[in-house]
């Protein structure tokens, strides 16, 4: 079953100049409707007079300005987030979700710095054994972590599984601003999927960057947690 077209899509289609007949009919209908609306308003305000003409002109302008101002005020109440910043490790988290690849050093570093109480892993069938070994090594309790195996090429699935882990953390009483999604590990598509879901729910995202030597190996003690997008400071 196909999706129902949005009203804005239908409206723009009716005034598409690439379809001359439809554009002409749409314009004609709007002109007739506009004249009819004008006549109706004129009757409501009491007929033709200079005062009523001024009411008809000024009234819509005031309404338009009010709508614009109200829209601006509403947008100001919606967290917009800030991009970048190297303070991610300075903020302790109650929950962190990691996109996981074969290496777990950055996950361990983040855990040491931020000490989350609950942890989520997005991994593939290939990286799952590495996460299982990591869980055993650091001694994570079963009720303190959630592991989801995803198809790294399926963005829809990655988004859905990310949302499930977030919901699991929220059910533990953790607030949005106490959760972060770390997109350092795993394949690029995993990071993109996890980031897009975090962005939709207005949850902080972070990344662990490092300096590299001439052999393209990470240099120890150069890792820094940086924000990809931060909403916490807008709340």
Protein backbone atom coordinates (compact mmCIF):
# COMPACT_ATOMS: atom_id res chain seq x y z
CA UNK A 1 0.00 0.00 0.00
CA UNK A 2 1.46 3.36 -1.07
CA UNK A 3 1.86 6.34 1.19
CA UNK A 4 -0.82 9.05 1.16
CA UNK A 5 0.63 12.17 -0.50
CA UNK A 6 1.20 15.16 1.76
CA UNK A 7 -1.11 18.15 1.36
CA UNK A 8 1.89 20.35 0.47
CA UNK A 9 2.85 17.90 -2.29
CA UNK A 10 -0.65 17.95 -3.77
CA UNK A 11 -0.77 21.76 -3.57
CA UNK A 12 2.58 22.24 -5.32
CA UNK A 13 1.56 19.71 -7.97
CA UNK A 14 -1.55 21.76 -8.78
CA UNK A 15 0.63 24.81 -9.49
CA UNK A 16 3.44 23.10 -11.37
CA UNK A 17 4.22 25.29 -14.44
CA UNK A 18 5.61 22.20 -16.17
CA UNK A 19 1.98 21.08 -16.55
CA UNK A 20 0.41 24.15 -18.28
CA UNK A 21 -3.25 23.01 -18.21
CA UNK A 22 -3.13 22.02 -14.54
CA UNK A 23 -1.27 25.24 -13.68
CA UNK A 24 -3.91 27.34 -15.49
CA UNK A 25 -6.84 25.55 -13.81
CA UNK A 26 -5.19 25.77 -10.37
CA UNK A 27 -4.49 29.49 -10.77
CA UNK A 28 -8.04 30.14 -12.01
CA UNK A 29 -9.59 28.26 -9.08
CA UNK A 30 -7.45 30.16 -6.56
CA UNK A 31 -8.36 33.48 -8.19
CA UNK A 32 -12.08 32.69 -8.00
CA UNK A 33 -11.73 31.50 -4.40
CA UNK A 34 -9.82 34.67 -3.51
CA UNK A 35 -12.46 36.95 -5.01
CA UNK A 36 -15.23 35.01 -3.25
CA UNK A 37 -13.37 35.24 0.08
CA UNK A 38 -12.89 38.99 -0.44
CA UNK A 39 -16.59 39.48 -1.14
CA UNK A 40 -17.54 37.45 1.94
CA UNK A 41 -15.19 39.43 4.19
CA UNK A 42 -16.55 42.67 2.76
CA UNK A 43 -20.08 41.63 3.66
CA UNK A 44 -19.03 40.61 7.18
CA UNK A 45 -17.34 43.96 7.94
CA UNK A 46 -20.38 45.92 6.71
CA UNK A 47 -19.92 46.72 3.03
CA UNK A 48 -17.79 49.11 1.02
CA UNK A 49 -16.17 51.99 2.86
CA UNK A 50 -12.67 53.36 3.33
CA UNK A 51 -12.62 52.14 6.92
CA UNK A 52 -13.61 48.61 5.93
CA UNK A 53 -11.04 48.52 3.13
CA UNK A 54 -8.38 49.41 5.69
CA UNK A 55 -9.62 46.63 7.97
CA UNK A 56 -9.36 44.12 5.13
CA UNK A 57 -5.80 45.26 4.34
CA UNK A 58 -4.45 45.61 7.89
CA UNK A 59 -6.19 42.55 9.38
CA UNK A 60 -4.43 39.88 7.28
CA UNK A 61 -1.08 41.64 7.74
CA UNK A 62 -1.48 41.49 11.54
CA UNK A 63 -2.50 37.81 11.33
CA UNK A 64 0.51 37.00 9.13
CA UNK A 65 2.94 38.78 11.47
CA UNK A 66 1.41 36.98 14.46
CA UNK A 67 1.86 33.59 12.79
CA UNK A 68 5.49 34.34 11.91
CA UNK A 69 6.30 35.52 15.44
CA UNK A 70 4.55 32.51 16.99
CA UNK A 71 6.46 30.18 14.66
CA UNK A 72 9.76 31.78 15.65
CA UNK A 73 8.96 31.44 19.36
CA UNK A 74 8.03 27.78 18.91
CA UNK A 75 11.28 27.08 17.04
CA UNK A 76 13.24 28.75 19.84
CA UNK A 77 11.84 26.22 22.32
CA UNK A 78 13.03 23.25 20.22
CA UNK A 79 16.63 22.17 21.00
CA UNK A 80 18.79 22.86 17.96
CA UNK A 81 22.03 21.39 19.24
CA UNK A 82 25.61 22.51 18.70
CA UNK A 83 28.18 20.90 16.42
CA UNK A 84 31.62 19.75 17.53
CA UNK A 85 33.51 20.44 20.74
CA UNK A 86 36.13 18.38 22.53
CA UNK A 87 34.49 18.02 25.93
CA UNK A 88 32.67 14.70 25.44
CA UNK A 89 34.89 12.79 27.90
CA UNK A 90 34.32 15.44 30.55
CA UNK A 91 30.64 14.58 30.78
CA UNK A 92 29.70 11.41 32.69
CA UNK A 93 26.84 9.45 31.18
CA UNK A 94 24.25 7.12 32.62
CA UNK A 95 23.90 5.40 29.28
CA UNK A 96 26.09 5.12 26.18
CA UNK A 97 25.40 3.29 22.93
CA UNK A 98 28.40 2.18 20.87
CA UNK A 99 28.61 1.22 17.22
CA UNK A 100 31.06 -1.67 17.51
CA UNK A 101 33.70 -3.05 15.19
CA UNK A 102 36.54 -5.47 15.82
CA UNK A 103 38.54 -3.10 18.03
CA UNK A 104 37.23 -2.31 21.50
CA UNK A 105 40.00 -0.03 22.81
CA UNK A 106 37.99 3.14 22.22
CA UNK A 107 34.97 1.63 23.97
CA UNK A 108 37.10 0.76 26.97
CA UNK A 109 38.57 4.26 27.04
CA UNK A 110 35.10 5.82 26.93
CA UNK A 111 33.87 3.57 29.75
CA UNK A 112 36.83 4.56 31.91
CA UNK A 113 36.26 8.26 31.27
CA UNK A 114 32.48 8.48 31.35
CA UNK A 115 31.48 5.50 33.53
CA UNK A 116 27.97 4.81 32.18
CA UNK A 117 25.67 2.61 34.24
CA UNK A 118 24.01 1.11 31.17
CA UNK A 119 25.63 0.26 27.85
CA UNK A 120 24.31 -0.57 24.41
CA UNK A 121 26.21 -2.27 21.59
CA UNK A 122 25.34 -2.19 17.90
CA UNK A 123 27.43 -4.89 16.27
CA UNK A 124 27.49 -7.22 13.27
CA UNK A 125 27.85 -10.99 13.15
CA UNK A 126 31.56 -10.38 12.50
CA UNK A 127 32.13 -8.02 15.43
CA UNK A 128 29.85 -9.79 17.91
CA UNK A 129 32.59 -12.21 19.17
CA UNK A 130 34.83 -9.24 19.93
CA UNK A 131 32.05 -7.59 21.94
CA UNK A 132 31.33 -10.82 23.79
CA UNK A 133 35.01 -11.09 24.72
CA UNK A 134 35.02 -7.43 25.78
CA UNK A 135 31.95 -7.95 27.98
CA UNK A 136 33.65 -10.88 29.70
CA UNK A 137 36.92 -9.00 30.12
CA UNK A 138 35.41 -5.93 31.78
CA UNK A 139 32.86 -8.00 33.70
CA UNK A 140 29.62 -6.36 32.61
CA UNK A 141 26.46 -7.61 34.30
CA UNK A 142 23.84 -9.00 31.93
CA UNK A 143 21.20 -6.52 33.09
CA UNK A 144 23.55 -3.57 32.48
CA UNK A 145 24.03 -3.93 28.75
CA UNK A 146 22.00 -4.55 25.62
CA UNK A 147 23.50 -6.00 22.45
CA UNK A 148 21.89 -5.77 19.02
CA UNK A 149 23.21 -7.56 15.93
CA UNK A 150 22.48 -5.61 12.76
CA UNK A 151 23.00 -5.86 9.04
CA UNK A 152 25.64 -3.14 8.48
CA UNK A 153 24.13 -2.30 5.08
CA UNK A 154 20.57 -1.88 6.35
CA UNK A 155 20.14 1.69 7.58
CA UNK A 156 16.48 1.13 8.48
CA UNK A 157 17.38 -1.82 10.71
CA UNK A 158 20.25 0.05 12.34
CA UNK A 159 17.96 2.97 13.14
CA UNK A 160 15.31 0.64 14.57
CA UNK A 161 17.76 -1.24 16.78
CA UNK A 162 19.28 2.02 17.99
CA UNK A 163 15.79 3.18 18.97
CA UNK A 164 15.19 -0.08 20.85
CA UNK A 165 18.34 0.40 22.92
CA UNK A 166 17.41 4.01 23.64
CA UNK A 167 13.94 2.90 24.74
CA UNK A 168 15.53 0.27 26.98
CA UNK A 169 17.64 2.95 28.66
CA UNK A 170 14.68 5.29 29.03
CA UNK A 171 12.74 2.46 30.67
CA UNK A 172 15.56 2.29 33.24
CA UNK A 173 14.73 5.85 34.24
CA UNK A 174 17.54 7.53 32.28
CA UNK A 175 16.74 10.87 30.69
CA UNK A 176 17.58 11.75 27.09
CA UNK A 177 20.27 14.20 28.18
CA UNK A 178 22.07 11.47 30.16
CA UNK A 179 22.44 9.26 27.07
CA UNK A 180 25.06 9.51 24.33
CA UNK A 181 25.55 7.59 21.10
CA UNK A 182 29.21 6.92 20.29
CA UNK A 183 29.70 6.44 16.54
CA UNK A 184 33.44 5.73 16.60
CA UNK A 185 33.45 1.99 15.88
CA UNK A 186 31.84 -0.23 13.27
CA UNK A 187 31.19 0.44 9.61
CA UNK A 188 30.29 3.87 8.29
CA UNK A 189 26.71 2.83 7.56
CA UNK A 190 26.29 1.75 11.18
CA UNK A 191 27.50 5.13 12.40
CA UNK A 192 25.23 6.96 9.95
CA UNK A 193 22.17 4.94 11.00
CA UNK A 194 22.83 5.35 14.72
CA UNK A 195 23.56 9.06 14.33
CA UNK A 196 20.38 9.70 12.33
CA UNK A 197 18.22 8.12 15.03
CA UNK A 198 20.01 10.01 17.81
CA UNK A 199 19.54 13.21 15.82
CA UNK A 200 15.84 12.51 15.45
CA UNK A 201 15.37 12.00 19.20
CA UNK A 202 17.72 14.88 20.12
CA UNK A 203 20.34 12.76 21.87
CA UNK A 204 24.04 13.69 22.04
CA UNK A 205 26.43 11.96 19.67
CA UNK A 206 30.16 11.67 20.17
CA UNK A 207 33.26 10.38 18.43
CA UNK A 208 36.71 9.40 19.71
CA UNK A 209 39.43 10.88 17.55
CA UNK A 210 43.12 10.03 17.69
CA UNK A 211 46.44 11.08 16.23
CA UNK A 212 48.13 8.51 13.98
CA UNK A 213 51.74 7.56 13.36
CA UNK A 214 53.43 7.04 9.98
CA UNK A 215 52.01 3.51 9.83
CA UNK A 216 48.47 4.85 10.33
CA UNK A 217 48.33 3.35 13.82
CA UNK A 218 46.63 5.30 16.65
CA UNK A 219 49.12 6.95 18.97
CA UNK A 220 48.42 6.04 22.58
CA UNK A 221 47.18 8.76 24.93
CA UNK A 222 46.16 11.04 22.06
CA UNK A 223 42.52 9.95 22.04
CA UNK A 224 39.98 12.67 22.70
CA UNK A 225 36.21 12.42 22.96
CA UNK A 226 34.55 15.02 20.75
CA UNK A 227 30.92 15.83 20.12
CA UNK A 228 29.40 15.25 16.73
CA UNK A 229 26.17 16.92 17.87
CA UNK A 230 25.36 18.13 21.36
CA UNK A 231 21.88 18.82 22.74
CA UNK A 232 22.62 18.53 26.47
CA UNK A 233 23.73 22.15 26.82
CA UNK A 234 20.57 23.42 25.11
CA UNK A 235 18.23 21.87 27.67
